[in-house]
PDB file of N, CA and C in Angstrom:
ATOM      1  N   UNK A   1     -15.148  -1.316  -3.229  1.00  0.00           N
ATOM      2  CA  UNK A   1     -13.948  -1.426  -3.699  1.00  0.00           C
ATOM      3  C   UNK A   1     -13.148   0.237  -3.264  1.00  0.00           C
ATOM      4  N   UNK A   2     -11.906   0.100  -2.860  1.00  0.00           N
ATOM      5  CA  UNK A   2     -11.002   1.049  -2.082  1.00  0.00           C
ATOM      6  C   UNK A   2      -9.998   1.604  -2.970  1.00  0.00           C
ATOM      7  N   UNK A   3      -9.881   3.272  -2.756  1.00  0.00           N
ATOM      8  CA  UNK A   3      -9.373   4.152  -3.785  1.00  0.00           C
ATOM      9  C   UNK A   3      -7.812   3.365  -3.671  1.00  0.00           C
ATOM     10  N   UNK A   4      -7.664   2.492  -2.910  1.00  0.00           N
ATOM     11  CA  UNK A   4      -5.897   1.857  -3.366  1.00  0.00           C
ATOM     12  C   UNK A   4      -6.138   1.510  -4.085  1.00  0.00           C
ATOM     13  N   UNK A   5      -7.105   0.528  -3.752  1.00  0.00           N
ATOM     14  CA  UNK A   5      -7.059  -0.563  -5.267  1.00  0.00           C
ATOM     15  C   UNK A   5      -7.329  -0.145  -6.733  1.00  0.00           C
ATOM     16  N   UNK A   6      -8.117   0.802  -6.325  1.00  0.00           N
ATOM     17  CA  UNK A   6      -8.379   1.666  -8.092  1.00  0.00           C
ATOM     18  C   UNK A   6      -7.334   2.032  -8.151  1.00  0.00           C
ATOM     19  N   UNK A   7      -6.805   2.980  -7.629  1.00  0.00           N
ATOM     20  CA  UNK A   7      -5.291   3.344  -8.071  1.00  0.00           C
ATOM     21  C   UNK A   7      -4.140   2.284  -8.269  1.00  0.00           C
ATOM     22  N   UNK A   8      -4.026   1.316  -7.440  1.00  0.00           N
ATOM     23  CA  UNK A   8      -3.713   0.672  -8.058  1.00  0.00           C
ATOM     24  C   UNK A   8      -3.308  -0.102  -9.389  1.00  0.00           C
ATOM     25  N   UNK A   9      -4.950  -0.182  -9.504  1.00  0.00           N
ATOM     26  CA  UNK A   9      -5.088  -1.221 -10.973  1.00  0.00           C
ATOM     27  C   UNK A   9      -4.540  -0.572 -12.123  1.00  0.00           C
ATOM     28  N   UNK A  10      -4.851   0.668 -11.982  1.00  0.00           N
ATOM     29  CA  UNK A  10      -4.442   1.434 -13.046  1.00  0.00           C
ATOM     30  C   UNK A  10      -3.270   1.750 -13.437  1.00  0.00           C
ATOM     31  N   UNK A  11      -2.163   1.716 -12.416  1.00  0.00           N
ATOM     32  CA  UNK A  11      -0.861   1.960 -12.341  1.00  0.00           C
ATOM     33  C   UNK A  11      -0.323   0.453 -12.655  1.00  0.00           C
ATOM     34  N   UNK A  12      -0.445  -0.865 -11.965  1.00  0.00           N
ATOM     35  CA  UNK A  12      -0.200  -1.702 -12.844  1.00  0.00           C
ATOM     36  C   UNK A  12      -0.231  -2.138 -14.077  1.00  0.00           C
ATOM     37  N   UNK A  13      -1.321  -1.685 -14.344  1.00  0.00           N
ATOM     38  CA  UNK A  13      -2.191  -2.040 -16.081  1.00  0.00           C
ATOM     39  C   UNK A  13      -1.293  -1.188 -16.864  1.00  0.00           C
ATOM     40  N   UNK A  14      -0.043  -0.296 -16.741  1.00  0.00           N
ATOM     41  CA  UNK A  14       0.601   0.776 -16.977  1.00  0.00           C
ATOM     42  C   UNK A  14       1.578  -0.242 -17.414  1.00  0.00           C
ATOM     43  N   UNK A  15       1.892  -0.679 -16.224  1.00  0.00           N
ATOM     44  CA  UNK A  15       3.513  -2.217 -16.044  1.00  0.00           C
ATOM     45  C   UNK A  15       3.465  -3.709 -16.549  1.00  0.00           C
ATOM     46  N   UNK A  16       1.853  -3.785 -16.783  1.00  0.00           N
ATOM     47  CA  UNK A  16       1.699  -4.886 -16.694  1.00  0.00           C
ATOM     48  C   UNK A  16       0.973  -5.183 -17.803  1.00  0.00           C
ATOM     49  N   UNK A  17       0.768  -6.016 -18.751  1.00  0.00           N
ATOM     50  CA  UNK A  17       0.639  -5.922 -20.221  1.00  0.00           C
ATOM     51  C   UNK A  17      -0.265  -7.470 -20.439  1.00  0.00           C
ATOM     52  N   UNK A  18       0.177  -8.628 -19.710  1.00  0.00           N
ATOM     53  CA  UNK A  18      -0.296  -9.766 -19.519  1.00  0.00           C
ATOM     54  C   UNK A  18       0.729 -10.261 -18.742  1.00  0.00           C
ATOM     55  N   UNK A  19       0.080 -11.893 -18.479  1.00  0.00           N
ATOM     56  CA  UNK A  19       1.281 -12.286 -16.940  1.00  0.00           C
ATOM     57  C   UNK A  19       0.788 -13.541 -17.151  1.00  0.00           C
ATOM     58  N   UNK A  20       1.932 -14.705 -17.675  1.00  0.00           N
ATOM     59  CA  UNK A  20       1.767 -16.397 -17.869  1.00  0.00           C
ATOM     60  C   UNK A  20       1.247 -16.947 -16.844  1.00  0.00           C
ATOM     61  N   UNK A  21       0.214 -16.735 -15.959  1.00  0.00           N
ATOM     62  CA  UNK A  21      -0.237 -17.491 -14.925  1.00  0.00           C
ATOM     63  C   UNK A  21      -1.020 -16.397 -13.967  1.00  0.00           C
ATOM     64  N   UNK A  22      -1.384 -16.558 -13.232  1.00  0.00           N
ATOM     65  CA  UNK A  22      -2.656 -16.228 -12.121  1.00  0.00           C
ATOM     66  C   UNK A  22      -2.255 -15.735 -10.910  1.00  0.00           C
ATOM     67  N   UNK A  23      -2.222 -14.608 -10.607  1.00  0.00           N
ATOM     68  CA  UNK A  23      -1.544 -13.698  -9.488  1.00  0.00           C
ATOM     69  C   UNK A  23      -2.890 -13.120  -8.966  1.00  0.00           C
ATOM     70  N   UNK A  24      -2.278 -13.212  -7.453  1.00  0.00           N
ATOM     71  CA  UNK A  24      -3.394 -12.377  -6.917  1.00  0.00           C
ATOM     72  C   UNK A  24      -2.476 -11.213  -6.333  1.00  0.00           C
ATOM     73  N   UNK A  25      -2.734  -9.928  -5.625  1.00  0.00           N
ATOM     74  CA  UNK A  25      -1.824  -9.188  -4.843  1.00  0.00           C
ATOM     75  C   UNK A  25      -3.110  -8.934  -3.873  1.00  0.00           C
ATOM     76  N   UNK A  26      -2.841  -9.381  -2.380  1.00  0.00           N
ATOM     77  CA  UNK A  26      -4.077  -8.519  -1.609  1.00  0.00           C
ATOM     78  C   UNK A  26      -3.049  -7.657  -0.521  1.00  0.00           C
ATOM     79  N   UNK A  27      -3.810  -6.864  -0.703  1.00  0.00           N
ATOM     80  CA  UNK A  27      -3.319  -5.378   0.063  1.00  0.00           C
ATOM     81  C   UNK A  27      -4.348  -5.269   1.312  1.00  0.00           C
ATOM     82  N   UNK A  28      -3.692  -5.720   2.625  1.00  0.00           N
ATOM     83  CA  UNK A  28      -4.210  -5.631   4.010  1.00  0.00           C
ATOM     84  C   UNK A  28      -5.160  -4.738   4.093  1.00  0.00           C
ATOM     85  N   UNK A  29      -6.262  -4.820   4.526  1.00  0.00           N
ATOM     86  CA  UNK A  29      -7.341  -3.801   4.732  1.00  0.00           C
ATOM     87  C   UNK A  29      -7.949  -2.930   3.516  1.00  0.00           C
ATOM     88  N   UNK A  30      -7.530  -3.775   2.082  1.00  0.00           N
ATOM     89  CA  UNK A  30      -8.022  -2.603   1.498  1.00  0.00           C
ATOM     90  C   UNK A  30      -8.696  -3.623   0.392  1.00  0.00           C
ATOM     91  N   UNK A  31      -7.765  -4.487  -0.238  1.00  0.00           N
ATOM     92  CA  UNK A  31      -8.795  -5.363  -1.348  1.00  0.00           C
ATOM     93  C   UNK A  31      -7.832  -6.411  -1.825  1.00  0.00           C
ATOM     94  N   UNK A  32      -8.107  -6.798  -3.169  1.00  0.00           N
ATOM     95  CA  UNK A  32      -7.470  -7.690  -3.486  1.00  0.00           C
ATOM     96  C   UNK A  32      -6.621  -6.892  -5.473  1.00  0.00           C
ATOM     97  N   UNK A  33      -6.426  -7.477  -5.876  1.00  0.00           N
ATOM     98  CA  UNK A  33      -6.246  -7.077  -7.038  1.00  0.00           C
ATOM     99  C   UNK A  33      -5.623  -8.731  -7.956  1.00  0.00           C
ATOM    100  N   UNK A  34      -5.856  -9.093  -9.191  1.00  0.00           N
ATOM    101  CA  UNK A  34      -5.685 -10.093 -10.174  1.00  0.00           C
ATOM    102  C   UNK A  34      -4.502  -9.808 -11.240  1.00  0.00           C
ATOM    103  N   UNK A  35      -3.917 -10.433 -11.223  1.00  0.00           N
ATOM    104  CA  UNK A  35      -2.777 -10.455 -12.357  1.00  0.00           C
ATOM    105  C   UNK A  35      -3.239 -11.910 -13.219  1.00  0.00           C
ATOM    106  N   UNK A  36      -3.181 -11.461 -14.808  1.00  0.00           N
ATOM    107  CA  UNK A  36      -3.117 -12.676 -15.562  1.00  0.00           C
ATOM    108  C   UNK A  36      -3.414 -11.840 -17.049  1.00  0.00           C
ATOM    109  N   UNK A  37      -3.767 -13.365 -17.656  1.00  0.00           N
ATOM    110  CA  UNK A  37      -3.467 -13.521 -19.124  1.00  0.00           C
ATOM    111  C   UNK A  37      -3.945 -11.808 -19.682  1.00  0.00           C
ATOM    112  N   UNK A  38      -5.124 -11.663 -18.828  1.00  0.00           N
ATOM    113  CA  UNK A  38      -5.933 -10.875 -19.433  1.00  0.00           C
ATOM    114  C   UNK A  38      -5.790  -9.682 -19.134  1.00  0.00           C
ATOM    115  N   UNK A  39      -4.580  -9.520 -18.137  1.00  0.00           N
ATOM    116  CA  UNK A  39      -3.599  -7.769 -17.730  1.00  0.00           C
ATOM    117  C   UNK A  39      -4.767  -7.931 -16.171  1.00  0.00           C
ATOM    118  N   UNK A  40      -4.927  -6.751 -15.940  1.00  0.00           N
ATOM    119  CA  UNK A  40      -4.544  -6.695 -14.184  1.00  0.00           C
ATOM    120  C   UNK A  40      -6.111  -6.005 -13.444  1.00  0.00           C
ATOM    121  N   UNK A  41      -6.605  -6.525 -12.628  1.00  0.00           N
ATOM    122  CA  UNK A  41      -8.334  -6.165 -12.215  1.00  0.00           C
ATOM    123  C   UNK A  41      -8.156  -6.615 -10.829  1.00  0.00           C
ATOM    124  N   UNK A  42      -9.726  -5.462 -10.517  1.00  0.00           N
ATOM    125  CA  UNK A  42      -9.850  -5.776  -9.009  1.00  0.00           C
ATOM    126  C   UNK A  42     -10.196  -7.839  -9.108  1.00  0.00           C
ATOM    127  N   UNK A  43     -10.097  -8.295  -8.152  1.00  0.00           N
ATOM    128  CA  UNK A  43     -11.025  -9.475  -7.862  1.00  0.00           C
ATOM    129  C   UNK A  43     -10.088 -10.073  -6.805  1.00  0.00           C
ATOM    130  N   UNK A  44     -10.684 -11.180  -6.251  1.00  0.00           N
ATOM    131  CA  UNK A  44     -10.387 -12.108  -5.027  1.00  0.00           C
ATOM    132  C   UNK A  44     -10.743 -13.695  -6.001  1.00  0.00           C
ATOM    133  N   UNK A  45     -10.374 -13.748  -6.635  1.00  0.00           N
ATOM    134  CA  UNK A  45     -10.116 -15.045  -7.198  1.00  0.00           C
ATOM    135  C   UNK A  45      -9.205 -16.287  -6.466  1.00  0.00           C
ATOM    136  N   UNK A  46      -9.044 -17.440  -6.997  1.00  0.00           N
ATOM    137  CA  UNK A  46      -8.045 -18.084  -7.138  1.00  0.00           C
ATOM    138  C   UNK A  46      -6.962 -17.772  -7.935  1.00  0.00           C
ATOM    139  N   UNK A  47      -5.974 -18.457  -7.500  1.00  0.00           N
ATOM    140  CA  UNK A  47      -4.678 -17.743  -8.180  1.00  0.00           C
ATOM    141  C   UNK A  47      -3.362 -18.974  -7.574  1.00  0.00           C
ATOM    142  N   UNK A  48      -2.499 -18.981  -8.644  1.00  0.00           N
ATOM    143  CA  UNK A  48      -1.317 -19.592  -8.654  1.00  0.00           C
ATOM    144  C   UNK A  48      -0.537 -19.105  -7.740  1.00  0.00           C
ATOM    145  N   UNK A  49      -0.395 -17.886  -7.121  1.00  0.00           N
ATOM    146  CA  UNK A  49       0.170 -17.668  -6.307  1.00  0.00           C
ATOM    147  C   UNK A  49      -0.353 -16.134  -5.575  1.00  0.00           C
ATOM    148  N   UNK A  50      -0.397 -15.993  -4.491  1.00  0.00           N
ATOM    149  CA  UNK A  50      -0.848 -14.803  -3.686  1.00  0.00           C
ATOM    150  C   UNK A  50      -0.256 -14.362  -3.017  1.00  0.00           C
ATOM    151  N   UNK A  51       0.267 -12.936  -3.076  1.00  0.00           N
ATOM    152  CA  UNK A  51       1.019 -11.987  -2.501  1.00  0.00           C
ATOM    153  C   UNK A  51       0.191 -11.144  -1.364  1.00  0.00           C
ATOM    154  N   UNK A  52       0.897 -11.512  -0.219  1.00  0.00           N
ATOM    155  CA  UNK A  52       0.161  -9.883   0.764  1.00  0.00           C
ATOM    156  C   UNK A  52       0.712  -8.947   1.221  1.00  0.00           C
ATOM    157  N   UNK A  53       0.644  -8.013   1.667  1.00  0.00           N
ATOM    158  CA  UNK A  53       1.487  -6.919   1.703  1.00  0.00           C
ATOM    159  C   UNK A  53       0.520  -5.902   2.660  1.00  0.00           C
ATOM    160  N   UNK A  54       0.561  -4.442   3.232  1.00  0.00           N
ATOM    161  CA  UNK A  54       0.609  -3.482   3.569  1.00  0.00           C
ATOM    162  C   UNK A  54       0.060  -2.582   2.533  1.00  0.00           C
ATOM    163  N   UNK A  55      -1.036  -1.930   2.546  1.00  0.00           N
ATOM    164  CA  UNK A  55      -0.828  -0.655   1.348  1.00  0.00           C
ATOM    165  C   UNK A  55       0.693   0.416   1.524  1.00  0.00           C
ATOM    166  N   UNK A  56       1.483   0.433   2.996  1.00  0.00           N
ATOM    167  CA  UNK A  56       2.607   0.993   2.816  1.00  0.00           C
ATOM    168  C   UNK A  56       3.371   0.281   1.711  1.00  0.00           C
ATOM    169  N   UNK A  57       3.587  -1.080   2.100  1.00  0.00           N
ATOM    170  CA  UNK A  57       4.900  -2.040   1.626  1.00  0.00           C
ATOM    171  C   UNK A  57       4.338  -2.289  -0.118  1.00  0.00           C
ATOM    172  N   UNK A  58       3.144  -1.871  -0.319  1.00  0.00           N
ATOM    173  CA  UNK A  58       2.726  -2.446  -1.891  1.00  0.00           C
ATOM    174  C   UNK A  58       2.479  -1.370  -2.550  1.00  0.00           C
ATOM    175  N   UNK A  59       2.699   0.235  -1.883  1.00  0.00           N
ATOM    176  CA  UNK A  59       3.102   1.685  -2.573  1.00  0.00           C
ATOM    177  C   UNK A  59       4.531   1.396  -2.514  1.00  0.00           C
ATOM    178  N   UNK A  60       5.196   0.972  -1.814  1.00  0.00           N
ATOM    179  CA  UNK A  60       6.598   1.263  -1.959  1.00  0.00           C
ATOM    180  C   UNK A  60       7.335  -0.001  -3.410  1.00  0.00           C
ATOM    181  N   UNK A  61       6.808  -1.024  -3.487  1.00  0.00           N
ATOM    182  CA  UNK A  61       7.286  -2.009  -4.663  1.00  0.00           C
ATOM    183  C   UNK A  61       6.648  -1.685  -5.451  1.00  0.00           C
ATOM    184  N   UNK A  62       5.296  -0.584  -5.880  1.00  0.00           N
ATOM    185  CA  UNK A  62       4.859  -0.465  -7.594  1.00  0.00           C
ATOM    186  C   UNK A  62       5.750   1.168  -7.342  1.00  0.00           C
ATOM    187  N   UNK A  63       6.352   1.866  -6.555  1.00  0.00           N
ATOM    188  CA  UNK A  63       6.932   3.214  -6.838  1.00  0.00           C
ATOM    189  C   UNK A  63       8.402   2.764  -6.975  1.00  0.00           C
ATOM    190  N   UNK A  64       8.569   1.627  -7.017  1.00  0.00           N
ATOM    191  CA  UNK A  64      10.810   0.835  -7.118  1.00  0.00           C
ATOM    192  C   UNK A  64      11.477   1.368  -5.635  1.00  0.00           C
ATOM    193  N   UNK A  65      10.776   1.574  -4.665  1.00  0.00           N
ATOM    194  CA  UNK A  65      11.265   2.150  -4.187  1.00  0.00           C
ATOM    195  C   UNK A  65      11.778   1.148  -2.629  1.00  0.00           C
ATOM    196  N   UNK A  66      11.071  -0.249  -3.057  1.00  0.00           N
ATOM    197  CA  UNK A  66      11.056  -1.535  -2.399  1.00  0.00           C
ATOM    198  C   UNK A  66      10.834  -2.722  -3.245  1.00  0.00           C
ATOM    199  N   UNK A  67      12.694  -3.306  -3.083  1.00  0.00           N
ATOM    200  CA  UNK A  67      12.343  -4.463  -4.275  1.00  0.00           C
ATOM    201  C   UNK A  67      11.735  -5.788  -3.721  1.00  0.00           C
ATOM    202  N   UNK A  68      10.732  -6.500  -4.274  1.00  0.00           N
ATOM    203  CA  UNK A  68       9.853  -7.440  -3.768  1.00  0.00           C
ATOM    204  C   UNK A  68      10.498  -8.352  -3.000  1.00  0.00           C
ATOM    205  N   UNK A  69      11.380  -8.568  -3.360  1.00  0.00           N
ATOM    206  CA  UNK A  69      12.484  -9.840  -2.913  1.00  0.00           C
ATOM    207  C   UNK A  69      13.005  -9.760  -1.263  1.00  0.00           C
ATOM    208  N   UNK A  70      13.617  -8.184  -1.391  1.00  0.00           N
ATOM    209  CA  UNK A  70      13.575  -7.956  -0.586  1.00  0.00           C
ATOM    210  C   UNK A  70      12.839  -7.612   0.480  1.00  0.00           C
ATOM    211  N   UNK A  71      11.544  -7.102   0.318  1.00  0.00           N
ATOM    212  CA  UNK A  71       9.950  -7.212   1.346  1.00  0.00           C
ATOM    213  C   UNK A  71       9.746  -8.446   1.281  1.00  0.00           C
ATOM    214  N   UNK A  72       9.873  -9.512   1.304  1.00  0.00           N
ATOM    215  CA  UNK A  72       9.545 -10.839   0.951  1.00  0.00           C
ATOM    216  C   UNK A  72      10.516 -11.343   2.288  1.00  0.00           C
ATOM    217  N   UNK A  73      12.042 -11.060   2.092  1.00  0.00           N
ATOM    218  CA  UNK A  73      13.293 -12.071   3.200  1.00  0.00           C
ATOM    219  C   UNK A  73      12.916 -10.844   4.919  1.00  0.00           C
ATOM    220  N   UNK A  74      12.225  -9.940   4.106  1.00  0.00           N
ATOM    221  CA  UNK A  74      12.152  -9.320   5.474  1.00  0.00           C
ATOM    222  C   UNK A  74      10.693  -9.429   6.709  1.00  0.00           C
ATOM    223  N   UNK A  75       9.985 -10.456   5.561  1.00  0.00           N
ATOM    224  CA  UNK A  75       8.901 -10.298   6.265  1.00  0.00           C
ATOM    225  C   UNK A  75       7.693  -9.240   6.057  1.00  0.00           C
ATOM    226  N   UNK A  76       7.683  -8.122   5.379  1.00  0.00           N
ATOM    227  CA  UNK A  76       6.721  -7.247   4.796  1.00  0.00           C
ATOM    228  C   UNK A  76       6.389  -7.330   3.797  1.00  0.00           C
ATOM    229  N   UNK A  77       6.152  -9.083   3.116  1.00  0.00           N
ATOM    230  CA  UNK A  77       5.562  -9.368   2.065  1.00  0.00           C
ATOM    231  C   UNK A  77       5.484 -10.636   2.387  1.00  0.00           C
ATOM    232  N   UNK A  78       4.111 -11.493   1.765  1.00  0.00           N
ATOM    233  CA  UNK A  78       3.696 -12.964   2.427  1.00  0.00           C
ATOM    234  C   UNK A  78       3.532 -13.178   1.395  1.00  0.00           C
ATOM    235  N   UNK A  79       3.939 -14.717   0.450  1.00  0.00           N
ATOM    236  CA  UNK A  79       3.784 -15.291  -0.291  1.00  0.00           C
ATOM    237  C   UNK A  79       3.322 -16.631  -0.196  1.00  0.00           C
ATOM    238  N   UNK A  80       1.970 -16.737  -0.881  1.00  0.00           N
ATOM    239  CA  UNK A  80       1.323 -18.469  -0.795  1.00  0.00           C
ATOM    240  C   UNK A  80       0.840 -18.450  -2.122  1.00  0.00           C
ATOM    241  N   UNK A  81       2.007 -20.490  -2.507  1.00  0.00           N
ATOM    242  CA  UNK A  81       1.512 -20.696  -3.694  1.00  0.00           C
ATOM    243  C   UNK A  81       2.834 -21.136  -4.302  1.00  0.00           C
ATOM    244  N   UNK A  82       2.662 -20.812  -5.687  1.00  0.00           N
ATOM    245  CA  UNK A  82       4.151 -21.003  -6.679  1.00  0.00           C
ATOM    246  C   UNK A  82       4.948 -20.238  -6.324  1.00  0.00           C
ATOM    247  N   UNK A  83       6.252 -20.217  -5.249  1.00  0.00           N
ATOM    248  CA  UNK A  83       7.552 -19.164  -5.386  1.00  0.00           C
ATOM    249  C   UNK A  83       7.918 -19.202  -7.021  1.00  0.00           C
ATOM    250  N   UNK A  84       7.796 -19.896  -8.156  1.00  0.00           N
ATOM    251  CA  UNK A  84       8.342 -19.410  -9.141  1.00  0.00           C
ATOM    252  C   UNK A  84       7.153 -18.616  -9.659  1.00  0.00           C
ATOM    253  N   UNK A  85       6.221 -18.705  -9.804  1.00  0.00           N
ATOM    254  CA  UNK A  85       5.277 -17.342  -9.817  1.00  0.00           C
ATOM    255  C   UNK A  85       5.213 -16.068  -9.674  1.00  0.00           C
ATOM    256  N   UNK A  86       5.749 -16.258  -8.527  1.00  0.00           N
ATOM    257  CA  UNK A  86       5.937 -14.830  -7.326  1.00  0.00           C
ATOM    258  C   UNK A  86       7.381 -14.483  -8.088  1.00  0.00           C
ATOM    259  N   UNK A  87       8.166 -15.102  -8.407  1.00  0.00           N
ATOM    260  CA  UNK A  87       9.588 -14.283  -8.863  1.00  0.00           C
ATOM    261  C   UNK A  87       9.255 -14.074 -10.580  1.00  0.00           C
ATOM    262  N   UNK A  88       8.865 -14.543 -11.080  1.00  0.00           N
ATOM    263  CA  UNK A  88       8.066 -14.167 -12.140  1.00  0.00           C
ATOM    264  C   UNK A  88       7.572 -12.425 -12.323  1.00  0.00           C
ATOM    265  N   UNK A  89       6.674 -12.530 -11.201  1.00  0.00           N
ATOM    266  CA  UNK A  89       5.858 -11.049 -10.991  1.00  0.00           C
ATOM    267  C   UNK A  89       6.625 -10.316 -10.600  1.00  0.00           C
ATOM    268  N   UNK A  90       7.583 -10.505  -9.571  1.00  0.00           N
ATOM    269  CA  UNK A  90       8.596 -10.089  -9.389  1.00  0.00           C
ATOM    270  C   UNK A  90       9.181  -8.973 -10.092  1.00  0.00           C
ATOM    271  N   UNK A  91      10.159  -9.937 -11.390  1.00  0.00           N
ATOM    272  CA  UNK A  91      10.365  -9.161 -12.202  1.00  0.00           C
ATOM    273  C   UNK A  91       9.871  -8.292 -13.030  1.00  0.00           C
ATOM    274  N   UNK A  92       8.222  -8.853 -13.631  1.00  0.00           N
ATOM    275  CA  UNK A  92       7.524  -7.888 -14.112  1.00  0.00           C
ATOM    276  C   UNK A  92       7.262  -6.229 -13.124  1.00  0.00           C
ATOM    277  N   UNK A  93       7.510  -6.840 -12.326  1.00  0.00           N
ATOM    278  CA  UNK A  93       6.992  -5.305 -11.402  1.00  0.00           C
ATOM    279  C   UNK A  93       8.296  -4.597 -11.474  1.00  0.00           C
ATOM    280  N   UNK A  94       9.398  -4.961 -11.443  1.00  0.00           N
ATOM    281  CA  UNK A  94      10.440  -4.108 -11.385  1.00  0.00           C
ATOM    282  C   UNK A  94      11.139  -3.437 -12.732  1.00  0.00           C
TER     283      UNK A  94
END
């Protein structure tokens, strides 16, 4: 597991206590993070929605420097699966 993923799991765990669904955030070249009703963990499992971005974009979203919707609209964040679930996740991260 990469240091980027380990740090992201710790930071997301402080923001997300549980999520009604299963989301996966893939950080290109680093690994994946799962978010579900049990919390946040490193992993690469099936999900209702998968969001993919590079480490720089992911960091900017976590820091609140980039809005997830803006990242998606500008092609910096890709979404595969339930768009409704992606919007729910975006509101949790904000």
